[in-house]
Amino acid sequence: MPDYEELVSFVVRNIVANPDEVTVTSRRSSGGGVVNVSIRVAGEDMGRLIGKRGVTINAIRLIAKAAAVKPGEKVDVDILED
C-alpha cells in the first residue's frame, strides 16, 4: 500500500518556494477505501501549487491516482486554504 502522504509531500515540496511551510495530511475513510490527502502551503505559494488553469494541481492528483491503481484504492487530493 503506497504512502500517498509522502508521495504528494515530495512533489509539492519540490514545487513551492517555501517547502518548510508545506503540510500534507492523509485520512482513510471508513468502508469506501477512499484516501483523502490534504495540502496546506504558504499563501504566496498557492498560485504556484495550482498553476495556470489548475494544470499543476491536476498533475499532482493524476500522480496520486496512478499510484492508487495497483492497490485498487481511490485517492482525493485537496488544497486547504487558511
N, C-alpha and C. Protein backbone atom coordinates (compact mmCIF):
# COMPACT_ATOMS: atom_id res chain seq x y z
N MET A 1 0.85 -1.18 0.00
CA MET A 1 0.00 0.00 0.00
C MET A 1 0.90 1.24 0.00
N PRO A 2 0.76 2.09 -1.01
CA PRO A 2 1.62 3.27 -1.11
C PRO A 2 1.32 4.30 -0.02
N ASP A 3 2.32 5.08 0.31
CA ASP A 3 2.16 6.18 1.25
C ASP A 3 1.88 7.44 0.43
N TYR A 4 0.60 7.72 0.23
CA TYR A 4 0.20 8.85 -0.61
C TYR A 4 0.63 10.18 0.01
N GLU A 5 0.63 10.25 1.32
CA GLU A 5 1.03 11.48 2.01
C GLU A 5 2.48 11.82 1.68
N GLU A 6 3.35 10.83 1.73
CA GLU A 6 4.76 11.04 1.43
C GLU A 6 4.97 11.38 -0.04
N LEU A 7 4.25 10.72 -0.92
CA LEU A 7 4.35 10.97 -2.36
C LEU A 7 3.96 12.40 -2.70
N VAL A 8 2.80 12.83 -2.23
CA VAL A 8 2.32 14.18 -2.51
C VAL A 8 3.22 15.22 -1.86
N SER A 9 3.67 14.95 -0.65
CA SER A 9 4.56 15.88 0.05
C SER A 9 5.86 16.08 -0.72
N PHE A 10 6.43 15.01 -1.24
CA PHE A 10 7.68 15.10 -2.01
C PHE A 10 7.49 15.99 -3.24
N VAL A 11 6.41 15.77 -3.97
CA VAL A 11 6.16 16.55 -5.18
C VAL A 11 5.93 18.02 -4.85
N VAL A 12 5.09 18.29 -3.86
CA VAL A 12 4.73 19.67 -3.52
C VAL A 12 5.94 20.43 -2.98
N ARG A 13 6.73 19.80 -2.11
CA ARG A 13 7.91 20.48 -1.54
C ARG A 13 8.92 20.87 -2.62
N ASN A 14 8.95 20.15 -3.73
CA ASN A 14 9.88 20.49 -4.81
C ASN A 14 9.31 21.51 -5.77
N ILE A 15 8.06 21.90 -5.60
CA ILE A 15 7.44 22.90 -6.47
C ILE A 15 7.43 24.27 -5.82
N VAL A 16 7.12 24.35 -4.53
CA VAL A 16 6.90 25.63 -3.86
C VAL A 16 8.21 26.31 -3.47
N ALA A 17 8.11 27.61 -3.18
CA ALA A 17 9.28 28.39 -2.77
C ALA A 17 9.58 28.22 -1.28
N ASN A 18 8.56 27.90 -0.47
CA ASN A 18 8.73 27.72 0.98
C ASN A 18 8.40 26.28 1.37
N PRO A 19 9.30 25.34 1.13
CA PRO A 19 8.99 23.94 1.41
C PRO A 19 8.80 23.63 2.89
N ASP A 20 9.34 24.47 3.78
CA ASP A 20 9.19 24.23 5.21
C ASP A 20 7.77 24.50 5.70
N GLU A 21 6.99 25.24 4.92
CA GLU A 21 5.62 25.57 5.32
C GLU A 21 4.59 24.64 4.68
N VAL A 22 5.03 23.58 4.05
CA VAL A 22 4.12 22.62 3.43
C VAL A 22 3.68 21.60 4.47
N THR A 23 2.37 21.40 4.56
CA THR A 23 1.80 20.39 5.45
C THR A 23 0.89 19.49 4.62
N VAL A 24 1.16 18.21 4.64
CA VAL A 24 0.34 17.25 3.91
C VAL A 24 -0.17 16.22 4.92
N THR A 25 -1.48 16.04 4.94
CA THR A 25 -2.10 15.05 5.82
C THR A 25 -2.97 14.12 4.99
N SER A 26 -3.13 12.90 5.47
CA SER A 26 -4.00 11.96 4.78
C SER A 26 -4.92 11.30 5.79
N ARG A 27 -6.09 10.92 5.28
CA ARG A 27 -7.10 10.29 6.14
C ARG A 27 -7.83 9.26 5.30
N ARG A 28 -7.95 8.06 5.83
CA ARG A 28 -8.70 7.00 5.15
C ARG A 28 -10.14 7.02 5.62
N SER A 29 -11.05 6.99 4.65
CA SER A 29 -12.46 6.95 5.02
C SER A 29 -12.83 5.52 5.40
N SER A 30 -13.77 5.39 6.27
CA SER A 30 -14.18 4.06 6.70
C SER A 30 -15.10 3.43 5.67
N GLY A 31 -14.79 2.23 5.28
CA GLY A 31 -15.66 1.49 4.38
C GLY A 31 -15.35 1.63 2.91
N GLY A 32 -15.29 2.85 2.39
CA GLY A 32 -15.18 3.05 0.95
C GLY A 32 -13.81 2.85 0.35
N GLY A 33 -12.78 2.78 1.15
CA GLY A 33 -11.43 2.65 0.62
C GLY A 33 -10.91 3.90 -0.04
N VAL A 34 -11.44 5.06 0.35
CA VAL A 34 -11.01 6.33 -0.22
C VAL A 34 -10.00 6.98 0.73
N VAL A 35 -8.91 7.45 0.16
CA VAL A 35 -7.89 8.15 0.94
C VAL A 35 -7.97 9.62 0.56
N ASN A 36 -8.19 10.48 1.55
CA ASN A 36 -8.25 11.93 1.34
C ASN A 36 -6.91 12.53 1.75
N VAL A 37 -6.25 13.16 0.80
CA VAL A 37 -4.96 13.82 1.05
C VAL A 37 -5.19 15.32 0.99
N SER A 38 -4.79 16.03 2.05
CA SER A 38 -4.97 17.48 2.12
C SER A 38 -3.62 18.17 2.12
N ILE A 39 -3.53 19.24 1.33
CA ILE A 39 -2.29 20.00 1.21
C ILE A 39 -2.53 21.41 1.74
N ARG A 40 -1.59 21.88 2.55
CA ARG A 40 -1.63 23.26 3.03
C ARG A 40 -0.26 23.87 2.76
N VAL A 41 -0.25 25.02 2.05
CA VAL A 41 1.00 25.71 1.72
C VAL A 41 0.90 27.17 2.15
N ALA A 42 2.02 27.86 2.10
CA ALA A 42 2.04 29.30 2.41
C ALA A 42 1.20 30.03 1.36
N GLY A 43 0.65 31.17 1.74
CA GLY A 43 -0.21 31.94 0.85
C GLY A 43 0.44 32.32 -0.46
N GLU A 44 1.71 32.68 -0.41
CA GLU A 44 2.39 33.09 -1.65
C GLU A 44 2.69 31.91 -2.57
N ASP A 45 2.60 30.69 -2.06
CA ASP A 45 2.85 29.50 -2.88
C ASP A 45 1.57 28.91 -3.47
N MET A 46 0.43 29.47 -3.12
CA MET A 46 -0.84 28.91 -3.59
C MET A 46 -0.93 28.92 -5.12
N GLY A 47 -0.56 30.02 -5.73
CA GLY A 47 -0.61 30.11 -7.19
C GLY A 47 0.35 29.15 -7.86
N ARG A 48 1.50 28.97 -7.26
CA ARG A 48 2.50 28.06 -7.80
C ARG A 48 1.99 26.61 -7.71
N LEU A 49 1.28 26.29 -6.64
CA LEU A 49 0.75 24.94 -6.45
C LEU A 49 -0.39 24.65 -7.43
N ILE A 50 -1.24 25.63 -7.64
CA ILE A 50 -2.38 25.43 -8.54
C ILE A 50 -1.94 25.46 -10.00
N GLY A 51 -1.10 26.40 -10.36
CA GLY A 51 -0.63 26.51 -11.73
C GLY A 51 -1.66 27.18 -12.62
N LYS A 52 -1.27 27.46 -13.85
CA LYS A 52 -2.19 28.10 -14.79
C LYS A 52 -3.31 27.13 -15.13
N ARG A 53 -4.52 27.62 -14.92
CA ARG A 53 -5.73 26.83 -15.19
C ARG A 53 -5.76 25.51 -14.42
N GLY A 54 -5.03 25.43 -13.31
CA GLY A 54 -5.06 24.23 -12.48
C GLY A 54 -4.23 23.08 -13.00
N VAL A 55 -3.32 23.37 -13.91
CA VAL A 55 -2.53 22.31 -14.52
C VAL A 55 -1.65 21.58 -13.50
N THR A 56 -1.01 22.32 -12.61
CA THR A 56 -0.08 21.71 -11.65
C THR A 56 -0.81 20.84 -10.65
N ILE A 57 -1.88 21.34 -10.05
CA ILE A 57 -2.60 20.53 -9.06
C ILE A 57 -3.26 19.32 -9.73
N ASN A 58 -3.70 19.47 -10.95
CA ASN A 58 -4.27 18.33 -11.66
C ASN A 58 -3.22 17.27 -11.94
N ALA A 59 -1.99 17.68 -12.21
CA ALA A 59 -0.90 16.72 -12.42
C ALA A 59 -0.58 15.99 -11.12
N ILE A 60 -0.60 16.70 -9.99
CA ILE A 60 -0.36 16.06 -8.69
C ILE A 60 -1.47 15.06 -8.40
N ARG A 61 -2.70 15.41 -8.69
CA ARG A 61 -3.83 14.48 -8.49
C ARG A 61 -3.67 13.25 -9.37
N LEU A 62 -3.21 13.44 -10.60
CA LEU A 62 -3.02 12.33 -11.52
C LEU A 62 -1.93 11.37 -11.02
N ILE A 63 -0.84 11.92 -10.48
CA ILE A 63 0.23 11.09 -9.92
C ILE A 63 -0.29 10.25 -8.77
N ALA A 64 -1.06 10.87 -7.87
CA ALA A 64 -1.61 10.14 -6.72
C ALA A 64 -2.58 9.06 -7.18
N LYS A 65 -3.42 9.37 -8.15
CA LYS A 65 -4.38 8.38 -8.65
C LYS A 65 -3.68 7.24 -9.36
N ALA A 66 -2.59 7.54 -10.06
CA ALA A 66 -1.82 6.49 -10.74
C ALA A 66 -1.19 5.54 -9.72
N ALA A 67 -0.74 6.08 -8.59
CA ALA A 67 -0.16 5.24 -7.55
C ALA A 67 -1.21 4.37 -6.89
N ALA A 68 -2.47 4.77 -6.97
CA ALA A 68 -3.56 4.03 -6.32
C ALA A 68 -4.17 2.95 -7.19
N VAL A 69 -3.74 2.85 -8.44
CA VAL A 69 -4.35 1.89 -9.36
C VAL A 69 -4.06 0.44 -8.94
N LYS A 70 -2.81 0.13 -8.70
CA LYS A 70 -2.44 -1.26 -8.39
C LYS A 70 -3.08 -1.77 -7.10
N PRO A 71 -3.08 -0.98 -6.00
CA PRO A 71 -3.76 -1.48 -4.80
C PRO A 71 -5.29 -1.39 -4.88
N GLY A 72 -5.82 -0.78 -5.95
CA GLY A 72 -7.27 -0.70 -6.11
C GLY A 72 -7.94 0.28 -5.18
N GLU A 73 -7.25 1.37 -4.85
CA GLU A 73 -7.80 2.38 -3.96
C GLU A 73 -8.19 3.62 -4.75
N LYS A 74 -8.87 4.52 -4.08
CA LYS A 74 -9.22 5.81 -4.67
C LYS A 74 -8.59 6.90 -3.81
N VAL A 75 -7.99 7.89 -4.46
CA VAL A 75 -7.32 8.97 -3.76
C VAL A 75 -7.91 10.31 -4.20
N ASP A 76 -8.25 11.14 -3.24
CA ASP A 76 -8.70 12.51 -3.50
C ASP A 76 -7.67 13.46 -2.91
N VAL A 77 -7.19 14.40 -3.72
CA VAL A 77 -6.20 15.38 -3.27
C VAL A 77 -6.87 16.75 -3.25
N ASP A 78 -6.85 17.41 -2.10
CA ASP A 78 -7.47 18.70 -1.93
C ASP A 78 -6.46 19.71 -1.38
N ILE A 79 -6.71 20.99 -1.69
CA ILE A 79 -5.89 22.08 -1.15
C ILE A 79 -6.70 22.77 -0.06
N LEU A 80 -6.08 22.94 1.10
CA LEU A 80 -6.73 23.66 2.20
C LEU A 80 -6.25 25.09 2.22
N GLU A 81 -7.18 26.02 2.39
CA GLU A 81 -6.85 27.43 2.47
C GLU A 81 -6.94 27.90 3.92
N ASP A 82 -6.12 28.88 4.25
CA ASP A 82 -6.17 29.46 5.62
C ASP A 82 -7.26 30.48 5.72
